[in-house]
Amino acid sequence: MALYESTFIARPEISGQQAEALAERFAGIITENGGKVEKTEYWGLKSLAYRIKKHRKGHYIMFNLDAPSAAVKEMERNMGLDEDVLRILTIRVKELEEGPSAMMQAKSSRSDRSARGDRGDRGDRGAPAPRERDGAVEKAASTENKAPDEGAAGTEAADDAPTGDKA
């Protein structure tokens, strides 16, 4: 039997539970035809890169399959007939991915950050602010309030002005 990775996108109008029930139905087709579903991941309701059948979002579900090609073709045929399925992508792989997919890893890292309530450890928490010398602060304040040299501005304006000579 061959190894496959199959992902499909379901309509956003259905609930997450209905999307998972749809996935179970398609997994049942694989097992009925002599295959095995190694892993099923529900990635959630995500925005699409472009509209598909007038939809801007969709439920993403991914399967790792160890099945004969006839079982995969039958599953894809049923997906194509189901009006809740917007898109299907099935590829043959040399080996199945162990552990959570990249999408699930990204999802868990985002939830870890939101659970902390900050944007991560920036290294500046608890460290005292650098102390400035009084002289450096006074010198910076005096240069900020200083007006530009009027003599230099006057010469620039004189250089740009037309001379009136028509020679």
C-alpha atoms as a PDB file:
ATOM      1  CA  MET A   1       0.000   0.000   0.000  1.00  0.00           C
ATOM      2  CA  ALA A   2       1.066   3.572  -0.636  1.00  0.00           C
ATOM      3  CA  LEU A   3       1.308   6.502   1.760  1.00  0.00           C
ATOM      4  CA  TYR A   4      -0.730   9.653   1.123  1.00  0.00           C
ATOM      5  CA  GLU A   5      -1.351  13.027   2.704  1.00  0.00           C
ATOM      6  CA  SER A   6      -4.787  14.417   1.937  1.00  0.00           C
ATOM      7  CA  THR A   7      -6.173  17.823   2.922  1.00  0.00           C
ATOM      8  CA  PHE A   8      -9.621  19.170   2.241  1.00  0.00           C
ATOM      9  CA  ILE A   9     -11.414  22.447   2.915  1.00  0.00           C
ATOM     10  CA  ALA A  10     -15.053  22.414   4.030  1.00  0.00           C
ATOM     11  CA  ARG A  11     -17.575  25.261   3.804  1.00  0.00           C
ATOM     12  CA  PRO A  12     -17.456  27.783   6.672  1.00  0.00           C
ATOM     13  CA  GLU A  13     -21.230  27.589   7.278  1.00  0.00           C
ATOM     14  CA  ILE A  14     -20.933  24.163   8.871  1.00  0.00           C
ATOM     15  CA  SER A  15     -19.798  23.881  12.492  1.00  0.00           C
ATOM     16  CA  GLY A  16     -16.501  22.407  13.637  1.00  0.00           C
ATOM     17  CA  GLN A  17     -18.286  19.265  14.842  1.00  0.00           C
ATOM     18  CA  GLN A  18     -19.950  18.831  11.450  1.00  0.00           C
ATOM     19  CA  ALA A  19     -16.559  19.231   9.743  1.00  0.00           C
ATOM     20  CA  GLU A  20     -15.083  16.545  11.987  1.00  0.00           C
ATOM     21  CA  ALA A  21     -18.082  14.270  11.272  1.00  0.00           C
ATOM     22  CA  LEU A  22     -17.415  14.805   7.567  1.00  0.00           C
ATOM     23  CA  ALA A  23     -13.794  13.763   8.152  1.00  0.00           C
ATOM     24  CA  GLU A  24     -14.924  10.625   9.978  1.00  0.00           C
ATOM     25  CA  ARG A  25     -17.175   9.730   7.057  1.00  0.00           C
ATOM     26  CA  PHE A  26     -14.278  10.034   4.591  1.00  0.00           C
ATOM     27  CA  ALA A  27     -11.987   8.085   6.937  1.00  0.00           C
ATOM     28  CA  GLY A  28     -14.641   5.333   6.985  1.00  0.00           C
ATOM     29  CA  ILE A  29     -14.452   5.104   3.191  1.00  0.00           C
ATOM     30  CA  ILE A  30     -10.699   4.519   3.430  1.00  0.00           C
ATOM     31  CA  THR A  31     -11.053   1.754   6.041  1.00  0.00           C
ATOM     32  CA  GLU A  32     -13.901   0.069   4.120  1.00  0.00           C
ATOM     33  CA  ASN A  33     -11.647  -0.191   1.065  1.00  0.00           C
ATOM     34  CA  GLY A  34      -8.714  -1.779   2.892  1.00  0.00           C
ATOM     35  CA  GLY A  35      -6.759   1.319   3.918  1.00  0.00           C
ATOM     36  CA  LYS A  36      -5.775   2.830   7.222  1.00  0.00           C
ATOM     37  CA  VAL A  37      -5.994   6.425   8.458  1.00  0.00           C
ATOM     38  CA  GLU A  38      -2.792   7.010  10.424  1.00  0.00           C
ATOM     39  CA  LYS A  39      -3.598  10.543  11.611  1.00  0.00           C
ATOM     40  CA  THR A  40      -6.434  13.071  11.322  1.00  0.00           C
ATOM     41  CA  GLU A  41      -5.912  16.748  12.164  1.00  0.00           C
ATOM     42  CA  TYR A  42      -8.561  19.438  12.303  1.00  0.00           C
ATOM     43  CA  TRP A  43      -6.775  22.749  11.710  1.00  0.00           C
ATOM     44  CA  GLY A  44      -9.823  24.917  12.326  1.00  0.00           C
ATOM     45  CA  LEU A  45     -11.630  27.659  10.475  1.00  0.00           C
ATOM     46  CA  LYS A  46      -9.021  29.628   8.518  1.00  0.00           C
ATOM     47  CA  SER A  47      -9.054  32.455   6.005  1.00  0.00           C
ATOM     48  CA  LEU A  48      -8.512  31.450   2.394  1.00  0.00           C
ATOM     49  CA  ALA A  49      -5.864  33.107   0.235  1.00  0.00           C
ATOM     50  CA  TYR A  50      -8.536  33.765  -2.403  1.00  0.00           C
ATOM     51  CA  ARG A  51     -12.263  33.188  -2.759  1.00  0.00           C
ATOM     52  CA  ILE A  52     -13.392  29.649  -3.465  1.00  0.00           C
ATOM     53  CA  LYS A  53     -17.022  29.317  -4.551  1.00  0.00           C
ATOM     54  CA  LYS A  54     -17.759  32.746  -3.025  1.00  0.00           C
ATOM     55  CA  HIS A  55     -16.305  31.773   0.370  1.00  0.00           C
ATOM     56  CA  ARG A  56     -13.497  33.613   2.176  1.00  0.00           C
ATOM     57  CA  LYS A  57     -12.973  31.046   4.981  1.00  0.00           C
ATOM     58  CA  GLY A  58     -13.025  27.283   5.342  1.00  0.00           C
ATOM     59  CA  HIS A  59     -12.536  24.387   7.757  1.00  0.00           C
ATOM     60  CA  TYR A  60      -9.208  22.653   7.053  1.00  0.00           C
ATOM     61  CA  ILE A  61      -8.814  18.921   7.757  1.00  0.00           C
ATOM     62  CA  MET A  62      -5.744  16.789   6.999  1.00  0.00           C
ATOM     63  CA  PHE A  63      -5.354  12.988   6.799  1.00  0.00           C
ATOM     64  CA  ASN A  64      -2.244  10.803   6.778  1.00  0.00           C
ATOM     65  CA  LEU A  65      -3.251   7.654   4.892  1.00  0.00           C
ATOM     66  CA  ASP A  66      -1.772   4.220   4.321  1.00  0.00           C
ATOM     67  CA  ALA A  67      -4.126   2.951   1.652  1.00  0.00           C
ATOM     68  CA  PRO A  68      -4.366   1.460  -1.827  1.00  0.00           C
ATOM     69  CA  SER A  69      -4.891   3.936  -4.644  1.00  0.00           C
ATOM     70  CA  ALA A  70      -8.423   2.627  -5.277  1.00  0.00           C
ATOM     71  CA  ALA A  71      -9.457   3.594  -1.734  1.00  0.00           C
ATOM     72  CA  VAL A  72      -8.001   7.089  -2.128  1.00  0.00           C
ATOM     73  CA  LYS A  73      -9.764   7.534  -5.482  1.00  0.00           C
ATOM     74  CA  GLU A  74     -13.074   6.477  -3.933  1.00  0.00           C
ATOM     75  CA  MET A  75     -12.593   8.924  -1.051  1.00  0.00           C
ATOM     76  CA  GLU A  76     -11.785  11.755  -3.486  1.00  0.00           C
ATOM     77  CA  ARG A  77     -14.828  10.842  -5.611  1.00  0.00           C
ATOM     78  CA  ASN A  78     -17.084  11.114  -2.552  1.00  0.00           C
ATOM     79  CA  MET A  79     -15.443  14.391  -1.540  1.00  0.00           C
ATOM     80  CA  GLY A  80     -16.108  15.778  -5.011  1.00  0.00           C
ATOM     81  CA  LEU A  81     -19.791  14.834  -4.758  1.00  0.00           C
ATOM     82  CA  ASP A  82     -20.236  16.402  -1.316  1.00  0.00           C
ATOM     83  CA  GLU A  83     -21.399  20.013  -1.538  1.00  0.00           C
ATOM     84  CA  ASP A  84     -19.760  20.889   1.805  1.00  0.00           C
ATOM     85  CA  VAL A  85     -16.253  20.261   0.418  1.00  0.00           C
ATOM     86  CA  LEU A  86     -14.693  23.252  -1.355  1.00  0.00           C
ATOM     87  CA  ARG A  87     -11.243  21.893  -2.284  1.00  0.00           C
ATOM     88  CA  ILE A  88      -9.257  18.647  -2.103  1.00  0.00           C
ATOM     89  CA  LEU A  89      -5.525  18.042  -2.330  1.00  0.00           C
ATOM     90  CA  THR A  90      -4.047  14.559  -2.065  1.00  0.00           C
ATOM     91  CA  ILE A  91      -0.361  13.852  -2.580  1.00  0.00           C
ATOM     92  CA  ARG A  92       1.661  10.670  -2.391  1.00  0.00           C
ATOM     93  CA  VAL A  93       4.526  10.809   0.106  1.00  0.00           C
ATOM     94  CA  LYS A  94       7.518   8.585   0.774  1.00  0.00           C
ATOM     95  CA  GLU A  95       6.940   8.518   4.535  1.00  0.00           C
ATOM     96  CA  LEU A  96       4.300   9.825   6.887  1.00  0.00           C
ATOM     97  CA  GLU A  97       5.096  12.717   9.193  1.00  0.00           C
ATOM     98  CA  GLU A  98       5.465  11.760  12.861  1.00  0.00           C
ATOM     99  CA  GLY A  99       3.924  13.994  15.519  1.00  0.00           C
ATOM    100  CA  PRO A 100       1.875  17.103  14.869  1.00  0.00           C
ATOM    101  CA  SER A 101       2.046  18.808  11.477  1.00  0.00           C
ATOM    102  CA  ALA A 102       3.540  22.263  10.971  1.00  0.00           C
ATOM    103  CA  MET A 103       0.060  23.828  11.131  1.00  0.00           C
ATOM    104  CA  MET A 104      -0.653  22.259  14.512  1.00  0.00           C
ATOM    105  CA  GLN A 105       2.762  23.286  15.850  1.00  0.00           C
ATOM    106  CA  ALA A 106       2.138  26.897  14.797  1.00  0.00           C
ATOM    107  CA  LYS A 107      -1.307  26.795  16.382  1.00  0.00           C
ATOM    108  CA  SER A 108       0.077  25.545  19.705  1.00  0.00           C
ATOM    109  CA  SER A 109       2.869  28.140  19.782  1.00  0.00           C
ATOM    110  CA  ARG A 110       0.324  30.945  19.244  1.00  0.00           C
ATOM    111  CA  SER A 111      -1.822  29.647  22.098  1.00  0.00           C
ATOM    112  CA  ASP A 112       1.256  29.469  24.358  1.00  0.00           C
ATOM    113  CA  ARG A 113       2.032  33.129  23.682  1.00  0.00           C
ATOM    114  CA  SER A 114      -1.546  34.245  24.320  1.00  0.00           C
ATOM    115  CA  ALA A 115      -1.631  32.264  27.567  1.00  0.00           C
ATOM    116  CA  ARG A 116       1.400  34.191  28.831  1.00  0.00           C
ATOM    117  CA  GLY A 117      -0.313  37.495  28.087  1.00  0.00           C
ATOM    118  CA  ASP A 118       2.748  39.139  26.599  1.00  0.00           C
ATOM    119  CA  ARG A 119       4.751  39.046  23.420  1.00  0.00           C
ATOM    120  CA  GLY A 120       7.409  36.716  24.730  1.00  0.00           C
ATOM    121  CA  ASP A 121      10.584  37.204  26.683  1.00  0.00           C
ATOM    122  CA  ARG A 122      12.311  40.255  25.256  1.00  0.00           C
ATOM    123  CA  GLY A 123      15.064  40.166  27.861  1.00  0.00           C
ATOM    124  CA  ASP A 124      14.248  43.600  29.309  1.00  0.00           C
ATOM    125  CA  ARG A 125      11.890  42.488  32.074  1.00  0.00           C
ATOM    126  CA  GLY A 126      13.299  43.134  35.534  1.00  0.00           C
ATOM    127  CA  ALA A 127      16.483  44.757  34.209  1.00  0.00           C
ATOM    128  CA  PRO A 128      17.120  48.272  35.518  1.00  0.00           C
ATOM    129  CA  ALA A 129      17.084  51.105  32.996  1.00  0.00           C
ATOM    130  CA  PRO A 130      20.536  52.421  32.072  1.00  0.00           C
ATOM    131  CA  ARG A 131      21.478  55.523  34.070  1.00  0.00           C
ATOM    132  CA  GLU A 132      22.464  58.636  32.211  1.00  0.00           C
ATOM    133  CA  ARG A 133      24.945  61.149  33.472  1.00  0.00           C
ATOM    134  CA  ASP A 134      23.582  64.564  34.296  1.00  0.00           C
ATOM    135  CA  GLY A 135      25.965  66.292  31.926  1.00  0.00           C
ATOM    136  CA  ALA A 136      24.953  64.134  28.940  1.00  0.00           C
ATOM    137  CA  VAL A 137      21.266  64.835  29.536  1.00  0.00           C
ATOM    138  CA  GLU A 138      21.855  68.600  29.809  1.00  0.00           C
ATOM    139  CA  LYS A 139      24.013  68.649  26.670  1.00  0.00           C
ATOM    140  CA  ALA A 140      21.387  66.761  24.607  1.00  0.00           C
ATOM    141  CA  ALA A 141      18.634  69.102  25.834  1.00  0.00           C
ATOM    142  CA  SER A 142      20.625  72.193  24.922  1.00  0.00           C
ATOM    143  CA  THR A 143      21.299  70.989  21.348  1.00  0.00           C
ATOM    144  CA  GLU A 144      17.630  70.097  20.741  1.00  0.00           C
ATOM    145  CA  ASN A 145      16.380  73.616  21.542  1.00  0.00           C
ATOM    146  CA  LYS A 146      19.069  75.383  19.550  1.00  0.00           C
ATOM    147  CA  ALA A 147      17.854  77.282  16.468  1.00  0.00           C
ATOM    148  CA  PRO A 148      19.537  76.575  13.132  1.00  0.00           C
ATOM    149  CA  ASP A 149      22.280  78.947  12.002  1.00  0.00           C
ATOM    150  CA  GLU A 150      20.515  81.781  10.196  1.00  0.00           C
ATOM    151  CA  GLY A 151      23.569  82.878   8.268  1.00  0.00           C
ATOM    152  CA  ALA A 152      23.912  79.529   6.478  1.00  0.00           C
ATOM    153  CA  ALA A 153      20.217  79.472   5.582  1.00  0.00           C
ATOM    154  CA  GLY A 154      20.460  82.986   4.184  1.00  0.00           C
ATOM    155  CA  THR A 155      23.317  82.101   1.835  1.00  0.00           C
ATOM    156  CA  GLU A 156      21.470  79.050   0.509  1.00  0.00           C
ATOM    157  CA  ALA A 157      18.414  81.113  -0.266  1.00  0.00           C
ATOM    158  CA  ALA A 158      20.578  83.697  -2.038  1.00  0.00           C
ATOM    159  CA  ASP A 159      22.228  81.020  -4.172  1.00  0.00           C
ATOM    160  CA  ASP A 160      18.885  79.592  -5.312  1.00  0.00           C
ATOM    161  CA  ALA A 161      17.356  82.972  -6.164  1.00  0.00           C
ATOM    162  CA  PRO A 162      17.362  84.022  -9.822  1.00  0.00           C
ATOM    163  CA  THR A 163      19.912  86.734 -10.640  1.00  0.00           C
ATOM    164  CA  GLY A 164      17.894  88.574 -13.216  1.00  0.00           C
ATOM    165  CA  ASP A 165      20.772  88.561 -15.779  1.00  0.00           C
ATOM    166  CA  LYS A 166      19.756  87.497 -19.283  1.00  0.00           C
ATOM    167  CA  ALA A 167      23.255  87.051 -20.630  1.00  0.00           C
END
